[in-house]
PDB file of N, CA and C in Angstrom:
ATOM      1  N   UNK A   1       0.970  -1.272   0.081  1.00  0.00           N
ATOM      2  CA  UNK A   1       0.025  -0.025  -0.127  1.00  0.00           C
ATOM      3  C   UNK A   1       1.094   1.258   0.031  1.00  0.00           C
ATOM      4  N   UNK A   2       0.629   2.284  -0.651  1.00  0.00           N
ATOM      5  CA  UNK A   2       1.321   3.307  -1.044  1.00  0.00           C
ATOM      6  C   UNK A   2       1.067   4.323   0.315  1.00  0.00           C
ATOM      7  N   UNK A   3       2.301   4.655   0.630  1.00  0.00           N
ATOM      8  CA  UNK A   3       2.113   5.872   1.918  1.00  0.00           C
ATOM      9  C   UNK A   3       1.102   7.132   1.368  1.00  0.00           C
ATOM     10  N   UNK A   4       0.602   7.894   1.995  1.00  0.00           N
ATOM     11  CA  UNK A   4      -0.245   9.000   1.936  1.00  0.00           C
ATOM     12  C   UNK A   4       0.942  10.308   2.015  1.00  0.00           C
ATOM     13  N   UNK A   5       1.218  11.023   0.910  1.00  0.00           N
ATOM     14  CA  UNK A   5       2.015  12.289   0.990  1.00  0.00           C
ATOM     15  C   UNK A   5       1.229  13.364   1.498  1.00  0.00           C
ATOM     16  N   UNK A   6       1.840  13.938   2.133  1.00  0.00           N
ATOM     17  CA  UNK A   6       1.165  15.129   2.945  1.00  0.00           C
ATOM     18  C   UNK A   6       0.931  16.551   1.438  1.00  0.00           C
ATOM     19  N   UNK A   7      -0.029  17.321   1.960  1.00  0.00           N
ATOM     20  CA  UNK A   7      -0.072  18.437   0.956  1.00  0.00           C
ATOM     21  C   UNK A   7       1.084  19.246   1.363  1.00  0.00           C
ATOM     22  N   UNK A   8       1.262  19.687  -0.030  1.00  0.00           N
ATOM     23  CA  UNK A   8       2.337  20.294  -0.547  1.00  0.00           C
ATOM     24  C   UNK A   8       3.532  19.363  -0.858  1.00  0.00           C
ATOM     25  N   UNK A   9       3.692  18.323  -0.539  1.00  0.00           N
ATOM     26  CA  UNK A   9       4.982  17.332  -0.868  1.00  0.00           C
ATOM     27  C   UNK A   9       4.920  17.294  -2.440  1.00  0.00           C
ATOM     28  N   UNK A  10       6.420  17.481  -2.868  1.00  0.00           N
ATOM     29  CA  UNK A  10       6.932  17.498  -3.972  1.00  0.00           C
ATOM     30  C   UNK A  10       6.964  16.197  -4.798  1.00  0.00           C
ATOM     31  N   UNK A  11       6.412  15.576  -5.480  1.00  0.00           N
ATOM     32  CA  UNK A  11       6.263  14.206  -6.082  1.00  0.00           C
ATOM     33  C   UNK A  11       6.653  14.065  -7.517  1.00  0.00           C
ATOM     34  N   UNK A  12       6.859  12.743  -7.850  1.00  0.00           N
ATOM     35  CA  UNK A  12       6.813  12.572  -9.418  1.00  0.00           C
ATOM     36  C   UNK A  12       6.098  11.684  -9.562  1.00  0.00           C
ATOM     37  N   UNK A  13       4.888  11.701 -10.768  1.00  0.00           N
ATOM     38  CA  UNK A  13       3.929  10.887 -10.833  1.00  0.00           C
ATOM     39  C   UNK A  13       4.949   9.786 -11.908  1.00  0.00           C
ATOM     40  N   UNK A  14       5.296   8.478 -11.790  1.00  0.00           N
ATOM     41  CA  UNK A  14       5.836   7.989 -12.433  1.00  0.00           C
ATOM     42  C   UNK A  14       5.149   7.391 -13.579  1.00  0.00           C
ATOM     43  N   UNK A  15       3.862   7.675 -13.586  1.00  0.00           N
ATOM     44  CA  UNK A  15       2.810   6.910 -14.792  1.00  0.00           C
ATOM     45  C   UNK A  15       3.369   7.947 -16.125  1.00  0.00           C
ATOM     46  N   UNK A  16       3.320   9.249 -15.701  1.00  0.00           N
ATOM     47  CA  UNK A  16       3.375  10.329 -16.710  1.00  0.00           C
ATOM     48  C   UNK A  16       4.819  10.987 -16.515  1.00  0.00           C
ATOM     49  N   UNK A  17       5.825  10.695 -15.775  1.00  0.00           N
ATOM     50  CA  UNK A  17       7.066  11.249 -15.702  1.00  0.00           C
ATOM     51  C   UNK A  17       6.761  12.642 -15.432  1.00  0.00           C
ATOM     52  N   UNK A  18       5.451  13.583 -14.517  1.00  0.00           N
ATOM     53  CA  UNK A  18       5.313  14.589 -14.248  1.00  0.00           C
ATOM     54  C   UNK A  18       5.616  14.610 -12.905  1.00  0.00           C
ATOM     55  N   UNK A  19       6.208  16.257 -12.629  1.00  0.00           N
ATOM     56  CA  UNK A  19       6.318  16.424 -11.368  1.00  0.00           C
ATOM     57  C   UNK A  19       5.283  17.258 -10.645  1.00  0.00           C
ATOM     58  N   UNK A  20       4.794  17.222  -9.681  1.00  0.00           N
ATOM     59  CA  UNK A  20       3.823  17.881  -9.359  1.00  0.00           C
ATOM     60  C   UNK A  20       3.790  17.955  -7.518  1.00  0.00           C
ATOM     61  N   UNK A  21       2.846  19.173  -7.258  1.00  0.00           N
ATOM     62  CA  UNK A  21       2.769  19.589  -5.602  1.00  0.00           C
ATOM     63  C   UNK A  21       1.402  18.711  -5.282  1.00  0.00           C
ATOM     64  N   UNK A  22       1.287  17.616  -4.318  1.00  0.00           N
ATOM     65  CA  UNK A  22      -0.018  17.203  -3.733  1.00  0.00           C
ATOM     66  C   UNK A  22      -0.533  18.416  -3.184  1.00  0.00           C
ATOM     67  N   UNK A  23      -1.776  18.122  -3.939  1.00  0.00           N
ATOM     68  CA  UNK A  23      -2.843  19.277  -3.425  1.00  0.00           C
ATOM     69  C   UNK A  23      -4.086  18.660  -2.764  1.00  0.00           C
ATOM     70  N   UNK A  24      -4.358  17.396  -2.767  1.00  0.00           N
ATOM     71  CA  UNK A  24      -5.155  16.959  -2.095  1.00  0.00           C
ATOM     72  C   UNK A  24      -5.312  15.239  -2.514  1.00  0.00           C
ATOM     73  N   UNK A  25      -6.341  14.665  -1.893  1.00  0.00           N
ATOM     74  CA  UNK A  25      -6.813  13.242  -2.040  1.00  0.00           C
ATOM     75  C   UNK A  25      -8.074  13.286  -2.432  1.00  0.00           C
ATOM     76  N   UNK A  26      -8.391  12.676  -3.314  1.00  0.00           N
ATOM     77  CA  UNK A  26      -9.879  12.443  -3.860  1.00  0.00           C
ATOM     78  C   UNK A  26     -10.078  11.008  -4.315  1.00  0.00           C
ATOM     79  N   UNK A  27     -10.832  10.489  -3.115  1.00  0.00           N
ATOM     80  CA  UNK A  27     -11.353   9.198  -3.612  1.00  0.00           C
ATOM     81  C   UNK A  27      -9.831   8.160  -3.721  1.00  0.00           C
ATOM     82  N   UNK A  28      -9.751   7.418  -4.743  1.00  0.00           N
ATOM     83  CA  UNK A  28      -8.240   6.552  -4.650  1.00  0.00           C
ATOM     84  C   UNK A  28      -7.065   7.388  -5.111  1.00  0.00           C
ATOM     85  N   UNK A  29      -7.375   8.503  -5.458  1.00  0.00           N
ATOM     86  CA  UNK A  29      -6.438   9.227  -6.337  1.00  0.00           C
ATOM     87  C   UNK A  29      -5.608  10.344  -5.289  1.00  0.00           C
ATOM     88  N   UNK A  30      -4.268  10.939  -5.713  1.00  0.00           N
ATOM     89  CA  UNK A  30      -3.698  11.865  -5.256  1.00  0.00           C
ATOM     90  C   UNK A  30      -3.849  13.041  -6.343  1.00  0.00           C
ATOM     91  N   UNK A  31      -4.247  14.335  -6.104  1.00  0.00           N
ATOM     92  CA  UNK A  31      -4.322  15.217  -6.855  1.00  0.00           C
ATOM     93  C   UNK A  31      -2.777  15.892  -6.605  1.00  0.00           C
ATOM     94  N   UNK A  32      -2.462  16.203  -8.045  1.00  0.00           N
ATOM     95  CA  UNK A  32      -1.155  16.956  -8.279  1.00  0.00           C
ATOM     96  C   UNK A  32      -1.374  18.007  -9.018  1.00  0.00           C
ATOM     97  N   UNK A  33      -0.739  19.112  -8.809  1.00  0.00           N
ATOM     98  CA  UNK A  33      -0.407  20.740  -9.605  1.00  0.00           C
ATOM     99  C   UNK A  33       0.819  20.903 -10.181  1.00  0.00           C
ATOM    100  N   UNK A  34       1.141  20.935 -11.396  1.00  0.00           N
ATOM    101  CA  UNK A  34       2.740  21.383 -11.854  1.00  0.00           C
ATOM    102  C   UNK A  34       3.265  22.393 -11.117  1.00  0.00           C
ATOM    103  N   UNK A  35       4.697  22.373 -10.799  1.00  0.00           N
ATOM    104  CA  UNK A  35       5.205  23.907 -10.176  1.00  0.00           C
ATOM    105  C   UNK A  35       5.216  24.663 -11.399  1.00  0.00           C
ATOM    106  N   UNK A  36       4.670  25.767 -10.601  1.00  0.00           N
ATOM    107  CA  UNK A  36       4.523  27.305 -11.510  1.00  0.00           C
ATOM    108  C   UNK A  36       2.859  27.550 -11.920  1.00  0.00           C
ATOM    109  N   UNK A  37       2.357  26.469 -11.403  1.00  0.00           N
ATOM    110  CA  UNK A  37       0.811  26.464 -11.802  1.00  0.00           C
ATOM    111  C   UNK A  37       0.269  25.451 -12.564  1.00  0.00           C
ATOM    112  N   UNK A  38      -0.981  25.262 -12.963  1.00  0.00           N
ATOM    113  CA  UNK A  38      -1.626  24.683 -14.226  1.00  0.00           C
ATOM    114  C   UNK A  38      -2.678  23.931 -13.754  1.00  0.00           C
ATOM    115  N   UNK A  39      -3.138  23.237 -14.712  1.00  0.00           N
ATOM    116  CA  UNK A  39      -4.254  22.048 -14.384  1.00  0.00           C
ATOM    117  C   UNK A  39      -3.458  21.048 -13.455  1.00  0.00           C
ATOM    118  N   UNK A  40      -4.527  20.724 -12.348  1.00  0.00           N
ATOM    119  CA  UNK A  40      -4.404  19.430 -11.401  1.00  0.00           C
ATOM    120  C   UNK A  40      -4.758  18.361 -12.282  1.00  0.00           C
ATOM    121  N   UNK A  41      -3.976  17.244 -11.833  1.00  0.00           N
ATOM    122  CA  UNK A  41      -4.043  15.890 -12.188  1.00  0.00           C
ATOM    123  C   UNK A  41      -4.644  15.040 -11.157  1.00  0.00           C
ATOM    124  N   UNK A  42      -4.921  13.789 -11.554  1.00  0.00           N
ATOM    125  CA  UNK A  42      -5.271  12.628 -10.575  1.00  0.00           C
ATOM    126  C   UNK A  42      -3.918  11.964 -10.733  1.00  0.00           C
ATOM    127  N   UNK A  43      -3.491  11.055  -9.839  1.00  0.00           N
ATOM    128  CA  UNK A  43      -2.271  10.149  -9.784  1.00  0.00           C
ATOM    129  C   UNK A  43      -2.540   9.058  -9.081  1.00  0.00           C
ATOM    130  N   UNK A  44      -2.110   7.767  -9.489  1.00  0.00           N
ATOM    131  CA  UNK A  44      -2.375   6.516  -8.589  1.00  0.00           C
ATOM    132  C   UNK A  44      -1.537   6.818  -7.475  1.00  0.00           C
ATOM    133  N   UNK A  45      -1.737   6.734  -6.387  1.00  0.00           N
ATOM    134  CA  UNK A  45      -0.720   6.792  -5.241  1.00  0.00           C
ATOM    135  C   UNK A  45       0.427   5.674  -5.102  1.00  0.00           C
ATOM    136  N   UNK A  46      -0.007   4.927  -5.765  1.00  0.00           N
ATOM    137  CA  UNK A  46       1.139   3.446  -5.767  1.00  0.00           C
ATOM    138  C   UNK A  46       2.044   3.836  -6.934  1.00  0.00           C
ATOM    139  N   UNK A  47       2.103   4.983  -7.731  1.00  0.00           N
ATOM    140  CA  UNK A  47       2.812   5.554  -9.188  1.00  0.00           C
ATOM    141  C   UNK A  47       3.183   6.693  -8.565  1.00  0.00           C
ATOM    142  N   UNK A  48       3.305   7.134  -7.434  1.00  0.00           N
ATOM    143  CA  UNK A  48       4.276   8.489  -7.023  1.00  0.00           C
ATOM    144  C   UNK A  48       5.310   8.061  -6.096  1.00  0.00           C
ATOM    145  N   UNK A  49       6.358   8.990  -6.392  1.00  0.00           N
ATOM    146  CA  UNK A  49       7.464   8.852  -5.277  1.00  0.00           C
ATOM    147  C   UNK A  49       8.200  10.379  -5.236  1.00  0.00           C
ATOM    148  N   UNK A  50       8.760  10.487  -3.798  1.00  0.00           N
ATOM    149  CA  UNK A  50       9.315  11.873  -3.835  1.00  0.00           C
ATOM    150  C   UNK A  50       9.912  12.074  -4.587  1.00  0.00           C
ATOM    151  N   UNK A  51       9.926  13.574  -5.170  1.00  0.00           N
ATOM    152  CA  UNK A  51      11.390  14.062  -6.071  1.00  0.00           C
ATOM    153  C   UNK A  51      12.552  14.199  -5.413  1.00  0.00           C
ATOM    154  N   UNK A  52      13.680  14.198  -6.287  1.00  0.00           N
ATOM    155  CA  UNK A  52      14.867  14.050  -5.971  1.00  0.00           C
ATOM    156  C   UNK A  52      15.278  15.554  -5.647  1.00  0.00           C
ATOM    157  N   UNK A  53      16.611  15.543  -5.029  1.00  0.00           N
ATOM    158  CA  UNK A  53      16.727  17.019  -5.155  1.00  0.00           C
ATOM    159  C   UNK A  53      16.951  17.946  -6.329  1.00  0.00           C
ATOM    160  N   UNK A  54      17.478  17.155  -7.447  1.00  0.00           N
ATOM    161  CA  UNK A  54      17.655  17.872  -8.895  1.00  0.00           C
ATOM    162  C   UNK A  54      16.452  18.247  -9.355  1.00  0.00           C
ATOM    163  N   UNK A  55      15.109  17.350  -9.024  1.00  0.00           N
ATOM    164  CA  UNK A  55      14.101  17.502  -9.817  1.00  0.00           C
ATOM    165  C   UNK A  55      13.380  18.879  -8.560  1.00  0.00           C
ATOM    166  N   UNK A  56      13.852  18.759  -7.383  1.00  0.00           N
ATOM    167  CA  UNK A  56      13.004  19.997  -6.435  1.00  0.00           C
ATOM    168  C   UNK A  56      13.612  21.290  -7.045  1.00  0.00           C
ATOM    169  N   UNK A  57      14.990  21.052  -7.109  1.00  0.00           N
ATOM    170  CA  UNK A  57      15.611  22.528  -7.932  1.00  0.00           C
ATOM    171  C   UNK A  57      15.075  23.006  -9.098  1.00  0.00           C
ATOM    172  N   UNK A  58      15.074  22.067 -10.044  1.00  0.00           N
ATOM    173  CA  UNK A  58      14.429  22.156 -11.144  1.00  0.00           C
ATOM    174  C   UNK A  58      12.845  22.703 -11.190  1.00  0.00           C
ATOM    175  N   UNK A  59      12.009  22.426 -10.068  1.00  0.00           N
ATOM    176  CA  UNK A  59      10.669  22.806  -9.753  1.00  0.00           C
ATOM    177  C   UNK A  59      10.802  24.326  -9.317  1.00  0.00           C
ATOM    178  N   UNK A  60      11.707  24.839  -8.345  1.00  0.00           N
ATOM    179  CA  UNK A  60      11.881  25.922  -8.171  1.00  0.00           C
ATOM    180  C   UNK A  60      12.103  26.751  -9.218  1.00  0.00           C
ATOM    181  N   UNK A  61      13.158  26.482 -10.185  1.00  0.00           N
ATOM    182  CA  UNK A  61      13.426  27.091 -11.188  1.00  0.00           C
ATOM    183  C   UNK A  61      12.271  27.771 -11.961  1.00  0.00           C
ATOM    184  N   UNK A  62      11.517  26.641 -12.350  1.00  0.00           N
ATOM    185  CA  UNK A  62      10.095  26.610 -13.035  1.00  0.00           C
ATOM    186  C   UNK A  62       9.391  27.759 -12.113  1.00  0.00           C
ATOM    187  N   UNK A  63       9.290  27.649 -11.021  1.00  0.00           N
ATOM    188  CA  UNK A  63       8.326  28.527 -10.554  1.00  0.00           C
ATOM    189  C   UNK A  63       8.890  30.204 -10.555  1.00  0.00           C
ATOM    190  N   UNK A  64      10.008  30.201 -10.260  1.00  0.00           N
ATOM    191  CA  UNK A  64      10.513  31.554 -10.145  1.00  0.00           C
ATOM    192  C   UNK A  64      10.604  32.217 -11.714  1.00  0.00           C
ATOM    193  N   UNK A  65      10.774  31.257 -12.372  1.00  0.00           N
ATOM    194  CA  UNK A  65      10.717  31.732 -14.089  1.00  0.00           C
ATOM    195  C   UNK A  65       9.086  32.323 -14.399  1.00  0.00           C
ATOM    196  N   UNK A  66       8.306  31.423 -13.963  1.00  0.00           N
ATOM    197  CA  UNK A  66       6.756  32.092 -14.368  1.00  0.00           C
ATOM    198  C   UNK A  66       6.145  33.073 -13.558  1.00  0.00           C
ATOM    199  N   UNK A  67       6.898  33.472 -12.068  1.00  0.00           N
ATOM    200  CA  UNK A  67       7.076  34.414 -11.729  1.00  0.00           C
ATOM    201  C   UNK A  67       7.226  35.430 -12.102  1.00  0.00           C
ATOM    202  N   UNK A  68       8.444  35.557 -12.543  1.00  0.00           N
ATOM    203  CA  UNK A  68       9.326  36.569 -13.434  1.00  0.00           C
ATOM    204  C   UNK A  68       8.311  37.070 -14.688  1.00  0.00           C
ATOM    205  N   UNK A  69       7.722  36.037 -15.354  1.00  0.00           N
ATOM    206  CA  UNK A  69       6.963  36.328 -16.604  1.00  0.00           C
ATOM    207  C   UNK A  69       5.903  36.833 -15.887  1.00  0.00           C
ATOM    208  N   UNK A  70       4.976  36.689 -15.208  1.00  0.00           N
ATOM    209  CA  UNK A  70       3.559  37.519 -14.725  1.00  0.00           C
ATOM    210  C   UNK A  70       4.026  38.529 -13.990  1.00  0.00           C
ATOM    211  N   UNK A  71       5.069  38.638 -13.405  1.00  0.00           N
ATOM    212  CA  UNK A  71       5.314  40.139 -13.051  1.00  0.00           C
ATOM    213  C   UNK A  71       5.382  39.905 -11.776  1.00  0.00           C
TER     214      UNK A  71
END
């Protein structure tokens, strides 16, 4: 059984190879949102893993770039 990641945890959906923040849990799924914003998606909790340090850094850069573009 997958462990429940807490709200705000940065994880990787190994099914889609996308990184996202845990926004919540709905039914059997974990709801994820990409760094910098965007549409949430549902992920299988058995198919997520914690982001590596490199992935976390990449996500932070994405967020900073988006914030700079938006002003």
